[in-house]
Amino acid sequence: VQLQASGGGLVQAGGSLRLSCAASRRSFSNNAVGWFRQAPGKERAFVAAISWRGSSTQYADSVKGRFTVVRDVVKNTVYLQMNSLKPEDTAVYYCASARGSYGSNNYKDYNYWGQGTEVTVSS
């Protein structure tokens, strides 16, 4: 499966962005999908994950209550709605398809990765 992440950009603190992760070549409808981010000089960090049916979600503590992950099975796309953005949310965001049906906060559980989309939050 090939993943394409999009929707990043420059936004002021307190603003919102919606990231999209679209799958091509084959569906990832049977797999959980996760979002990770990597800020300059930092390691890749878990952001959110959603199960194959969308019934189960997980979030990093730093984004709980601000970010929401949903999936559109028909469009074969997963979205990350990011509200109340903070400068510390600045990073390159990656989506990934998990080996299993339920999400994980461990990047090793994901085997297909998108190319990343950059999010910059100005103060």
Protein backbone atom coordinates (compact mmCIF):
# COMPACT_ATOMS: atom_id res chain seq x y z
CA VAL A 1 0.00 0.00 0.00
CA GLN A 2 1.19 3.51 -0.78
CA LEU A 3 0.25 6.35 1.55
CA GLN A 4 0.01 10.03 0.73
CA ALA A 5 -0.16 12.55 3.56
CA SER A 6 -1.31 16.07 2.84
CA GLY A 7 -2.84 19.14 4.43
CA GLY A 8 0.12 20.60 6.25
CA GLY A 9 0.97 24.27 6.22
CA LEU A 10 1.65 27.38 8.24
CA VAL A 11 -0.90 28.39 10.86
CA GLN A 12 -0.98 30.73 13.82
CA ALA A 13 -1.20 29.42 17.35
CA GLY A 14 -4.79 28.61 18.20
CA GLY A 15 -5.61 27.77 14.62
CA SER A 16 -6.64 24.50 12.99
CA LEU A 17 -5.49 22.20 10.23
CA ARG A 18 -6.81 18.94 8.86
CA LEU A 19 -4.33 16.40 7.62
CA SER A 20 -5.32 13.66 5.21
CA CYS A 21 -3.80 10.26 4.63
CA ALA A 22 -4.92 8.57 1.45
CA ALA A 23 -4.05 5.04 0.44
CA SER A 24 -3.40 3.90 -3.09
CA ARG A 25 -2.48 0.67 -4.84
CA ARG A 26 -4.54 -1.19 -2.31
CA SER A 27 -6.89 -0.43 0.53
CA PHE A 28 -5.80 -0.17 4.13
CA SER A 29 -9.32 -0.70 5.37
CA ASN A 30 -8.31 -3.80 7.34
CA ASN A 31 -5.43 -2.05 9.06
CA ALA A 32 -5.12 0.45 11.82
CA VAL A 33 -3.62 3.77 10.81
CA GLY A 34 -1.41 5.92 12.95
CA TRP A 35 -0.07 9.45 12.87
CA PHE A 36 3.41 10.27 14.07
CA ARG A 37 5.38 13.48 14.04
CA GLN A 38 9.01 14.46 14.08
CA ALA A 39 10.14 17.89 15.15
CA PRO A 40 13.58 19.22 14.19
CA GLY A 41 16.24 17.59 16.32
CA LYS A 42 13.78 15.26 17.99
CA GLU A 43 12.81 11.65 17.57
CA ARG A 44 9.64 10.52 15.88
CA ALA A 45 6.72 10.62 18.30
CA PHE A 46 3.30 9.02 18.34
CA VAL A 47 0.35 11.35 17.86
CA ALA A 48 -2.79 9.30 17.27
CA ALA A 49 -4.08 6.02 15.90
CA ILE A 50 -7.39 4.61 14.73
CA SER A 51 -8.50 1.01 14.43
CA TRP A 52 -9.55 -0.61 11.17
CA ARG A 53 -13.25 0.10 11.72
CA GLY A 54 -12.66 3.43 13.35
CA SER A 55 -14.26 2.28 16.59
CA SER A 56 -11.12 2.65 18.66
CA THR A 57 -8.75 5.60 18.83
CA GLN A 58 -5.64 6.45 20.80
CA TYR A 59 -3.96 9.78 21.40
CA ALA A 60 -0.74 11.04 22.85
CA ASP A 61 -1.32 12.96 26.07
CA SER A 62 0.03 16.10 24.46
CA VAL A 63 -2.76 16.22 21.87
CA LYS A 64 -5.73 14.79 23.76
CA GLY A 65 -8.73 17.06 23.56
CA ARG A 66 -7.24 19.01 20.64
CA PHE A 67 -6.71 16.42 17.89
CA THR A 68 -9.22 13.99 16.47
CA VAL A 69 -8.52 11.08 14.14
CA VAL A 70 -11.28 9.68 11.93
CA ARG A 71 -11.41 7.47 8.89
CA ASP A 72 -13.59 7.40 5.80
CA VAL A 73 -13.72 3.81 4.63
CA VAL A 74 -15.40 4.68 1.34
CA LYS A 75 -12.72 7.20 0.45
CA ASN A 76 -9.95 5.01 1.88
CA THR A 77 -8.69 8.04 3.75
CA VAL A 78 -7.81 8.85 7.35
CA TYR A 79 -7.97 12.39 8.69
CA LEU A 80 -6.28 14.10 11.59
CA GLN A 81 -8.20 17.18 12.68
CA MET A 82 -5.90 19.44 14.67
CA ASN A 83 -7.43 22.26 16.68
CA SER A 84 -5.99 24.75 19.16
CA LEU A 85 -2.58 24.32 17.62
CA LYS A 86 0.48 25.28 19.61
CA PRO A 87 4.01 26.15 18.47
CA GLU A 88 5.18 22.87 20.00
CA ASP A 89 3.00 21.02 17.47
CA THR A 90 5.39 22.15 14.74
CA ALA A 91 6.76 19.04 13.04
CA VAL A 92 6.62 16.86 9.98
CA TYR A 93 3.59 14.62 10.33
CA TYR A 94 3.59 11.09 8.97
CA CYS A 95 0.77 8.64 8.56
CA ALA A 96 1.39 4.93 8.63
CA SER A 97 -0.51 1.72 8.12
CA ALA A 98 -0.20 -0.82 10.89
CA ARG A 99 0.42 -4.52 10.51
CA GLY A 100 -2.65 -5.23 12.60
CA SER A 101 -6.21 -4.02 12.88
CA TYR A 102 -5.80 -2.07 16.10
CA GLY A 103 -3.64 0.94 16.66
CA SER A 104 -0.38 1.15 18.53
CA ASN A 105 1.84 3.93 19.77
CA ASN A 106 4.92 2.00 18.71
CA TYR A 107 6.26 2.95 15.31
CA LYS A 108 7.66 -0.58 14.90
CA ASP A 109 4.09 -1.87 14.57
CA TYR A 110 3.65 0.06 11.33
CA ASN A 111 5.02 -1.17 8.04
CA TYR A 112 3.89 1.36 5.43
CA TRP A 113 4.62 5.06 5.76
CA GLY A 114 3.62 8.15 3.89
CA GLN A 115 6.13 10.80 2.88
CA GLY A 116 5.19 13.33 5.56
CA THR A 117 3.55 16.73 5.52
CA GLU A 118 5.00 19.71 7.31
CA VAL A 119 3.06 21.65 9.93
CA THR A 120 4.38 24.94 11.25
CA VAL A 121 2.61 26.77 14.06
CA SER A 122 3.70 30.34 14.65
CA SER A 123 3.36 32.06 18.00
